[in-house]
């Protein structure tokens, strides 16, 4: 079940200023609000839009897609970010997210913690690049934004 956001709801999200609330959920919701503002959010976001596990039912399930919304387990909570790459040798995802060393940045997260890869219902999908140590440095330099969702 989804709900439609109103301008009043948007004010609650602090859209566009994860520096005010540097949680991973705030960085993700800001990217989604700016990139796909008409995409409905699951009802669970209304109660707590910044909790990472609330992204488990966002949009639709997808495969390894560049920019996919990637919720991860961490105890009873979690972490949320956008997928920038996958390394089969490390069995890990290269994730851009907030609250990674207190900033929005790219970090490797182990595949076993991944809950799902999610995608907005109406957005175009691009395959997730496979990274290794040689291509990781290039990705760090060249991926200063996730094109589908704007600024992150």
N, C-alpha and C. Protein backbone atom coordinates (compact mmCIF):
# COMPACT_ATOMS: atom_id res chain seq x y z
N UNK A 1 0.84 -1.18 0.00
CA UNK A 1 0.00 0.00 0.00
C UNK A 1 0.89 1.25 0.00
N UNK A 2 0.52 2.24 -0.77
CA UNK A 2 1.30 3.46 -0.89
C UNK A 2 0.47 4.66 -0.43
N UNK A 3 1.12 5.76 -0.23
CA UNK A 3 0.41 6.99 0.04
C UNK A 3 1.02 8.10 -0.80
N UNK A 4 0.24 9.14 -1.03
CA UNK A 4 0.71 10.26 -1.83
C UNK A 4 1.20 11.35 -0.90
N UNK A 5 2.39 11.88 -1.19
CA UNK A 5 2.95 12.94 -0.37
C UNK A 5 2.29 14.27 -0.69
N UNK A 6 2.23 15.12 0.29
CA UNK A 6 1.73 16.48 0.11
C UNK A 6 2.88 17.42 0.43
N UNK A 7 2.78 18.71 0.08
CA UNK A 7 3.86 19.63 0.44
C UNK A 7 4.16 19.62 1.94
N UNK A 8 3.16 19.41 2.76
CA UNK A 8 3.39 19.34 4.20
C UNK A 8 4.26 18.14 4.55
N UNK A 9 3.99 16.99 3.91
CA UNK A 9 4.82 15.81 4.13
C UNK A 9 6.27 16.08 3.72
N UNK A 10 6.46 16.75 2.60
CA UNK A 10 7.79 17.03 2.09
C UNK A 10 8.59 17.85 3.10
N UNK A 11 7.94 18.78 3.78
CA UNK A 11 8.64 19.57 4.80
C UNK A 11 9.16 18.67 5.90
N UNK A 12 8.41 17.61 6.24
CA UNK A 12 8.84 16.67 7.27
C UNK A 12 10.13 15.96 6.86
N UNK A 13 10.32 15.73 5.54
CA UNK A 13 11.47 15.00 5.05
C UNK A 13 12.76 15.81 5.05
N UNK A 14 12.67 17.13 5.17
CA UNK A 14 13.84 17.99 5.06
C UNK A 14 14.54 17.76 3.71
N UNK A 15 13.73 17.63 2.66
CA UNK A 15 14.25 17.32 1.34
C UNK A 15 15.31 18.33 0.93
N UNK A 16 16.43 17.80 0.45
CA UNK A 16 17.49 18.64 -0.07
C UNK A 16 18.52 19.07 0.96
N UNK A 17 18.40 18.60 2.20
CA UNK A 17 19.36 19.03 3.21
C UNK A 17 19.71 17.89 4.17
N UNK A 18 20.32 16.79 3.66
CA UNK A 18 20.74 15.72 4.57
C UNK A 18 21.75 16.19 5.61
N UNK A 19 22.35 17.37 5.41
CA UNK A 19 23.28 17.90 6.41
C UNK A 19 22.54 18.22 7.71
N UNK A 20 21.26 18.56 7.63
CA UNK A 20 20.47 18.82 8.83
C UNK A 20 20.19 17.54 9.61
N UNK A 21 19.98 16.47 8.88
CA UNK A 21 19.68 15.18 9.49
C UNK A 21 20.48 14.14 8.72
N UNK A 22 21.73 13.87 9.11
CA UNK A 22 22.65 13.10 8.27
C UNK A 22 22.43 11.57 8.31
N UNK A 23 21.21 11.13 8.35
CA UNK A 23 20.93 9.70 8.35
C UNK A 23 20.94 9.17 6.93
N UNK A 24 21.23 7.89 6.78
CA UNK A 24 21.23 7.28 5.46
C UNK A 24 19.85 7.38 4.82
N UNK A 25 18.79 7.23 5.63
CA UNK A 25 17.42 7.33 5.11
C UNK A 25 17.11 8.71 4.57
N UNK A 26 17.64 9.74 5.22
CA UNK A 26 17.40 11.10 4.75
C UNK A 26 18.12 11.33 3.42
N UNK A 27 19.33 10.83 3.28
CA UNK A 27 20.05 10.97 2.01
C UNK A 27 19.29 10.25 0.89
N UNK A 28 18.79 9.04 1.18
CA UNK A 28 18.07 8.27 0.17
C UNK A 28 16.75 8.95 -0.20
N UNK A 29 16.00 9.38 0.79
CA UNK A 29 14.70 10.00 0.51
C UNK A 29 14.90 11.31 -0.24
N UNK A 30 15.97 12.03 0.07
CA UNK A 30 16.26 13.28 -0.64
C UNK A 30 16.54 12.99 -2.11
N UNK A 31 17.38 11.98 -2.39
CA UNK A 31 17.68 11.62 -3.78
C UNK A 31 16.41 11.20 -4.51
N UNK A 32 15.58 10.40 -3.87
CA UNK A 32 14.35 9.93 -4.51
C UNK A 32 13.36 11.07 -4.72
N UNK A 33 13.21 11.93 -3.74
CA UNK A 33 12.29 13.07 -3.88
C UNK A 33 12.73 13.99 -5.01
N UNK A 34 14.03 14.21 -5.15
CA UNK A 34 14.52 15.08 -6.21
C UNK A 34 14.49 14.40 -7.57
N UNK A 35 14.75 13.09 -7.61
CA UNK A 35 14.85 12.38 -8.87
C UNK A 35 13.56 11.81 -9.41
N UNK A 36 12.72 11.30 -8.54
CA UNK A 36 11.45 10.70 -8.96
C UNK A 36 10.35 11.17 -7.98
N UNK A 37 10.02 12.47 -8.02
CA UNK A 37 9.11 13.04 -7.02
C UNK A 37 7.70 12.47 -7.05
N UNK A 38 7.26 11.90 -8.16
CA UNK A 38 5.90 11.37 -8.24
C UNK A 38 5.80 9.91 -7.85
N UNK A 39 6.92 9.28 -7.54
CA UNK A 39 6.92 7.86 -7.14
C UNK A 39 6.33 7.74 -5.74
N UNK A 40 5.28 6.93 -5.57
CA UNK A 40 4.71 6.77 -4.23
C UNK A 40 5.65 6.01 -3.30
N UNK A 41 5.59 6.37 -2.03
CA UNK A 41 6.37 5.69 -1.00
C UNK A 41 5.47 4.72 -0.25
N UNK A 42 6.03 3.63 0.29
CA UNK A 42 5.22 2.73 1.12
C UNK A 42 4.67 3.50 2.33
N UNK A 43 3.53 3.06 2.83
CA UNK A 43 2.89 3.70 3.98
C UNK A 43 3.84 3.77 5.17
N UNK A 44 4.74 2.80 5.32
CA UNK A 44 5.67 2.80 6.45
C UNK A 44 6.53 4.06 6.50
N UNK A 45 6.74 4.71 5.36
CA UNK A 45 7.53 5.94 5.34
C UNK A 45 6.83 7.09 6.04
N UNK A 46 5.51 7.05 6.07
CA UNK A 46 4.77 8.16 6.69
C UNK A 46 5.10 8.24 8.18
N UNK A 47 5.23 7.11 8.85
CA UNK A 47 5.54 7.10 10.28
C UNK A 47 7.00 7.48 10.55
N UNK A 48 7.90 6.99 9.72
CA UNK A 48 9.32 7.26 9.94
C UNK A 48 10.05 7.22 8.59
N UNK A 49 10.11 8.34 7.88
CA UNK A 49 10.69 8.34 6.54
C UNK A 49 12.19 8.10 6.50
N UNK A 50 12.87 8.21 7.62
CA UNK A 50 14.32 8.08 7.61
C UNK A 50 14.83 6.71 8.06
N UNK A 51 13.92 5.80 8.44
CA UNK A 51 14.36 4.48 8.90
C UNK A 51 14.68 3.62 7.68
N UNK A 52 15.89 3.10 7.61
CA UNK A 52 16.38 2.36 6.44
C UNK A 52 15.48 1.18 6.07
N UNK A 53 14.98 0.44 7.04
CA UNK A 53 14.20 -0.76 6.73
C UNK A 53 12.85 -0.42 6.09
N UNK A 54 12.43 0.85 6.16
CA UNK A 54 11.19 1.23 5.49
C UNK A 54 11.31 1.22 3.97
N UNK A 55 12.51 1.07 3.45
CA UNK A 55 12.71 1.02 2.00
C UNK A 55 12.57 -0.40 1.45
N UNK A 56 12.33 -1.38 2.31
CA UNK A 56 12.21 -2.78 1.86
C UNK A 56 11.11 -2.97 0.83
N UNK A 57 10.06 -2.16 0.88
CA UNK A 57 8.93 -2.31 -0.04
C UNK A 57 8.81 -1.15 -1.02
N UNK A 58 9.87 -0.37 -1.18
CA UNK A 58 9.84 0.76 -2.10
C UNK A 58 9.74 0.26 -3.54
N UNK A 59 8.92 0.87 -4.35
CA UNK A 59 8.85 0.57 -5.79
C UNK A 59 8.66 -0.91 -6.07
N UNK A 60 9.50 -1.43 -6.97
CA UNK A 60 9.43 -2.83 -7.38
C UNK A 60 10.78 -3.50 -7.17
N UNK A 61 10.76 -4.83 -7.08
CA UNK A 61 12.00 -5.60 -7.01
C UNK A 61 12.71 -5.47 -8.35
N UNK A 62 14.03 -5.38 -8.32
CA UNK A 62 14.80 -5.35 -9.57
C UNK A 62 16.05 -6.21 -9.37
N UNK A 63 16.75 -6.44 -10.44
CA UNK A 63 18.02 -7.15 -10.36
C UNK A 63 19.13 -6.16 -10.03
N UNK A 64 20.33 -6.48 -10.47
CA UNK A 64 21.48 -5.61 -10.22
C UNK A 64 21.42 -4.43 -11.21
N UNK A 65 20.79 -3.35 -10.75
CA UNK A 65 20.55 -2.17 -11.57
C UNK A 65 21.32 -0.99 -10.97
N UNK A 66 21.99 -0.22 -11.83
CA UNK A 66 22.73 0.96 -11.39
C UNK A 66 21.78 1.97 -10.76
N UNK A 67 22.07 2.36 -9.52
CA UNK A 67 21.23 3.32 -8.80
C UNK A 67 20.10 2.67 -8.03
N UNK A 68 20.03 1.33 -8.01
CA UNK A 68 18.96 0.65 -7.29
C UNK A 68 18.97 1.03 -5.81
N UNK A 69 17.79 1.15 -5.24
CA UNK A 69 17.64 1.40 -3.81
C UNK A 69 17.97 0.09 -3.11
N UNK A 70 18.95 0.14 -2.21
CA UNK A 70 19.50 -1.08 -1.61
C UNK A 70 19.42 -1.03 -0.08
N UNK A 71 18.35 -1.60 0.50
CA UNK A 71 18.29 -1.68 1.96
C UNK A 71 19.09 -2.88 2.48
N UNK A 72 19.83 -2.66 3.58
CA UNK A 72 20.67 -3.68 4.20
C UNK A 72 20.25 -3.90 5.64
N UNK A 73 20.47 -5.13 6.14
CA UNK A 73 20.24 -5.46 7.55
C UNK A 73 21.41 -4.97 8.40
N UNK A 74 21.10 -4.53 9.61
CA UNK A 74 22.11 -4.24 10.62
C UNK A 74 21.38 -4.38 11.95
N UNK A 75 21.46 -5.55 12.54
CA UNK A 75 20.69 -5.82 13.76
C UNK A 75 19.21 -5.72 13.44
N UNK A 76 18.44 -5.07 14.32
CA UNK A 76 17.01 -4.89 14.05
C UNK A 76 16.77 -3.67 13.15
N UNK A 77 17.82 -2.90 12.89
CA UNK A 77 17.72 -1.73 12.02
C UNK A 77 18.33 -2.05 10.67
N UNK A 78 19.01 -1.08 10.10
CA UNK A 78 19.61 -1.34 8.81
C UNK A 78 20.35 -0.14 8.27
N UNK A 79 20.61 -0.22 6.98
CA UNK A 79 21.29 0.85 6.26
C UNK A 79 20.67 0.90 4.87
N UNK A 80 20.60 2.09 4.29
CA UNK A 80 20.03 2.24 2.96
C UNK A 80 20.99 3.08 2.11
N UNK A 81 21.11 2.70 0.85
CA UNK A 81 21.92 3.46 -0.09
C UNK A 81 21.50 3.15 -1.50
N UNK A 82 22.23 3.68 -2.46
CA UNK A 82 21.98 3.44 -3.87
C UNK A 82 23.15 2.65 -4.44
N UNK A 83 22.85 1.59 -5.18
CA UNK A 83 23.88 0.68 -5.70
C UNK A 83 24.64 1.32 -6.86
N UNK A 84 25.98 1.35 -6.73
CA UNK A 84 26.86 1.87 -7.78
C UNK A 84 27.68 0.78 -8.45
N UNK A 85 27.76 -0.40 -7.83
CA UNK A 85 28.55 -1.48 -8.42
C UNK A 85 28.47 -2.73 -7.57
N UNK A 86 28.95 -3.82 -8.14
CA UNK A 86 28.97 -5.12 -7.46
C UNK A 86 30.28 -5.80 -7.79
N UNK A 87 30.91 -6.40 -6.79
CA UNK A 87 32.14 -7.16 -7.00
C UNK A 87 31.89 -8.59 -6.55
N UNK A 88 31.78 -9.53 -7.51
CA UNK A 88 31.52 -10.92 -7.14
C UNK A 88 32.63 -11.53 -6.29
N UNK A 89 33.88 -11.10 -6.48
CA UNK A 89 34.99 -11.65 -5.69
C UNK A 89 34.86 -11.24 -4.22
N UNK A 90 34.46 -10.02 -3.97
CA UNK A 90 34.25 -9.55 -2.59
C UNK A 90 32.88 -9.94 -2.05
N UNK A 91 32.00 -10.35 -2.97
CA UNK A 91 30.60 -10.61 -2.63
C UNK A 91 30.03 -9.39 -1.91
N UNK A 92 30.23 -8.23 -2.56
CA UNK A 92 29.79 -6.99 -1.96
C UNK A 92 29.29 -5.98 -2.97
N UNK A 93 28.51 -5.03 -2.45
CA UNK A 93 27.95 -3.95 -3.25
C UNK A 93 28.66 -2.65 -2.91
N UNK A 94 28.91 -1.84 -3.93
CA UNK A 94 29.48 -0.51 -3.79
C UNK A 94 28.28 0.43 -3.66
N UNK A 95 28.09 0.98 -2.49
CA UNK A 95 26.86 1.71 -2.16
C UNK A 95 27.16 3.17 -1.87
N UNK A 96 26.37 4.06 -2.47
CA UNK A 96 26.42 5.49 -2.14
C UNK A 96 25.29 5.74 -1.15
N UNK A 97 25.67 6.25 0.03
CA UNK A 97 24.65 6.51 1.04
C UNK A 97 25.11 7.52 2.06
N UNK A 98 24.18 7.99 2.83
CA UNK A 98 24.47 8.91 3.91
C UNK A 98 24.87 8.15 5.16
N UNK A 99 25.39 8.87 6.13
CA UNK A 99 25.80 8.30 7.43
C UNK A 99 26.84 7.20 7.26
N UNK A 100 27.68 7.35 6.26
CA UNK A 100 28.82 6.47 6.06
C UNK A 100 30.03 7.31 6.44
N UNK A 101 30.54 7.11 7.64
CA UNK A 101 31.58 7.97 8.22
C UNK A 101 31.07 9.41 8.34
N UNK A 102 29.78 9.53 8.68
CA UNK A 102 29.12 10.82 8.92
C UNK A 102 28.96 11.70 7.68
N UNK A 103 29.15 11.14 6.48
CA UNK A 103 28.97 11.91 5.25
C UNK A 103 28.28 11.04 4.21
N UNK A 104 27.86 11.65 3.11
CA UNK A 104 27.37 10.90 1.95
C UNK A 104 28.61 10.49 1.16
N UNK A 105 28.79 9.18 1.01
CA UNK A 105 29.97 8.68 0.28
C UNK A 105 29.71 7.26 -0.19
N UNK A 106 30.68 6.72 -0.92
CA UNK A 106 30.62 5.34 -1.41
C UNK A 106 31.32 4.43 -0.43
N UNK A 107 30.71 3.27 -0.16
CA UNK A 107 31.29 2.27 0.73
C UNK A 107 30.93 0.88 0.23
N UNK A 108 31.77 -0.10 0.56
CA UNK A 108 31.46 -1.49 0.25
C UNK A 108 30.64 -2.09 1.39
N UNK A 109 29.55 -2.76 1.02
CA UNK A 109 28.72 -3.47 2.00
C UNK A 109 28.58 -4.92 1.54
N UNK A 110 28.67 -5.84 2.47
CA UNK A 110 28.67 -7.27 2.15
C UNK A 110 27.29 -7.71 1.64
N UNK A 111 27.30 -8.55 0.63
CA UNK A 111 26.08 -9.02 -0.03
C UNK A 111 25.13 -9.73 0.94
N UNK A 112 25.66 -10.45 1.91
CA UNK A 112 24.80 -11.23 2.82
C UNK A 112 23.87 -10.35 3.66
N UNK A 113 24.18 -9.07 3.80
CA UNK A 113 23.31 -8.15 4.55
C UNK A 113 22.23 -7.51 3.69
N UNK A 114 22.34 -7.65 2.36
CA UNK A 114 21.37 -7.04 1.45
C UNK A 114 19.99 -7.65 1.65
N UNK A 115 18.99 -6.80 1.79
CA UNK A 115 17.60 -7.27 1.90
C UNK A 115 17.00 -7.46 0.52
N UNK A 116 17.17 -6.46 -0.33
CA UNK A 116 16.59 -6.50 -1.66
C UNK A 116 17.17 -5.35 -2.48
N UNK A 117 17.00 -5.41 -3.77
CA UNK A 117 17.29 -4.28 -4.64
C UNK A 117 15.94 -3.81 -5.17
N UNK A 118 15.65 -2.50 -5.00
CA UNK A 118 14.34 -1.95 -5.33
C UNK A 118 14.50 -0.84 -6.37
N UNK A 119 13.45 -0.59 -7.11
CA UNK A 119 13.49 0.38 -8.19
C UNK A 119 12.16 1.10 -8.31
N UNK A 120 12.18 2.41 -8.65
CA UNK A 120 10.91 3.12 -8.87
C UNK A 120 10.11 2.44 -9.97
N UNK A 121 8.81 2.42 -9.83
CA UNK A 121 7.93 1.73 -10.79
C UNK A 121 8.13 2.18 -12.23
N UNK A 122 8.33 3.47 -12.47
CA UNK A 122 8.32 3.98 -13.83
C UNK A 122 9.68 4.39 -14.38
N UNK A 123 10.75 4.22 -13.64
CA UNK A 123 12.06 4.72 -14.08
C UNK A 123 12.80 3.69 -14.94
N UNK A 124 13.64 4.18 -15.85
CA UNK A 124 14.47 3.34 -16.72
C UNK A 124 15.56 2.66 -15.89
N UNK A 125 15.89 1.42 -16.22
CA UNK A 125 16.92 0.67 -15.50
C UNK A 125 18.17 0.52 -16.36
N UNK A 126 19.34 0.65 -15.71
CA UNK A 126 20.65 0.46 -16.36
C UNK A 126 21.41 -0.59 -15.56
N UNK A 127 22.02 -1.59 -16.21
CA UNK A 127 22.71 -2.66 -15.46
C UNK A 127 23.76 -2.12 -14.51
N UNK A 128 23.90 -2.78 -13.37
CA UNK A 128 24.89 -2.42 -12.36
C UNK A 128 26.27 -2.87 -12.82
N UNK A 129 27.27 -1.99 -12.82
CA UNK A 129 28.60 -2.40 -13.26
C UNK A 129 29.23 -3.39 -12.29
N UNK A 130 29.98 -4.33 -12.84
CA UNK A 130 30.77 -5.24 -12.02
C UNK A 130 32.11 -4.56 -11.78
N UNK A 131 32.50 -4.45 -10.51
CA UNK A 131 33.74 -3.77 -10.14
C UNK A 131 34.73 -4.76 -9.57
N UNK A 132 36.00 -4.47 -9.75
CA UNK A 132 37.07 -5.18 -9.08
C UNK A 132 38.04 -4.12 -8.59
N UNK A 133 39.14 -4.50 -8.02
CA UNK A 133 40.05 -3.50 -7.47
C UNK A 133 40.57 -2.54 -8.54
N UNK A 134 40.75 -3.00 -9.75
CA UNK A 134 41.26 -2.14 -10.82
C UNK A 134 40.22 -1.09 -11.25
N UNK A 135 38.95 -1.49 -11.31
CA UNK A 135 37.91 -0.56 -11.76
C UNK A 135 37.34 0.26 -10.62
N UNK A 136 37.57 -0.14 -9.38
CA UNK A 136 37.02 0.59 -8.24
C UNK A 136 37.53 2.03 -8.19
N UNK A 137 38.81 2.23 -8.43
CA UNK A 137 39.38 3.58 -8.37
C UNK A 137 38.72 4.48 -9.41
N UNK A 138 38.48 3.95 -10.61
CA UNK A 138 37.80 4.74 -11.64
C UNK A 138 36.39 5.09 -11.19
N UNK A 139 35.70 4.15 -10.57
CA UNK A 139 34.34 4.41 -10.10
C UNK A 139 34.32 5.48 -9.03
N UNK A 140 35.30 5.46 -8.14
CA UNK A 140 35.37 6.47 -7.08
C UNK A 140 35.55 7.86 -7.66
N UNK A 141 36.35 7.97 -8.71
CA UNK A 141 36.62 9.27 -9.31
C UNK A 141 35.45 9.74 -10.17
N UNK A 142 34.84 8.84 -10.93
CA UNK A 142 33.85 9.26 -11.92
C UNK A 142 32.41 9.22 -11.43
N UNK A 143 32.11 8.58 -10.32
CA UNK A 143 30.69 8.47 -9.93
C UNK A 143 30.35 9.48 -8.84
N UNK A 144 30.35 10.76 -9.21
CA UNK A 144 30.03 11.78 -8.22
C UNK A 144 28.54 12.05 -8.12
N UNK A 145 27.73 11.30 -8.85
CA UNK A 145 26.29 11.38 -8.72
C UNK A 145 25.69 10.09 -9.27
N UNK A 146 24.47 9.82 -8.88
CA UNK A 146 23.72 8.70 -9.44
C UNK A 146 22.75 9.32 -10.42
N UNK A 147 22.97 9.18 -11.74
CA UNK A 147 22.21 9.93 -12.74
C UNK A 147 20.68 9.81 -12.61
N UNK A 148 20.18 8.64 -12.27
CA UNK A 148 18.74 8.48 -12.21
C UNK A 148 18.10 9.37 -11.15
N UNK A 149 18.80 9.62 -10.06
CA UNK A 149 18.18 10.28 -8.92
C UNK A 149 18.81 11.62 -8.60
N UNK A 150 19.64 12.15 -9.47
CA UNK A 150 20.16 13.49 -9.22
C UNK A 150 21.30 13.52 -8.23
N UNK A 151 21.24 14.43 -7.30
CA UNK A 151 22.37 14.72 -6.41
C UNK A 151 22.51 13.71 -5.31
N UNK A 152 23.62 13.09 -5.20
CA UNK A 152 24.03 12.29 -4.03
C UNK A 152 25.49 12.04 -4.10
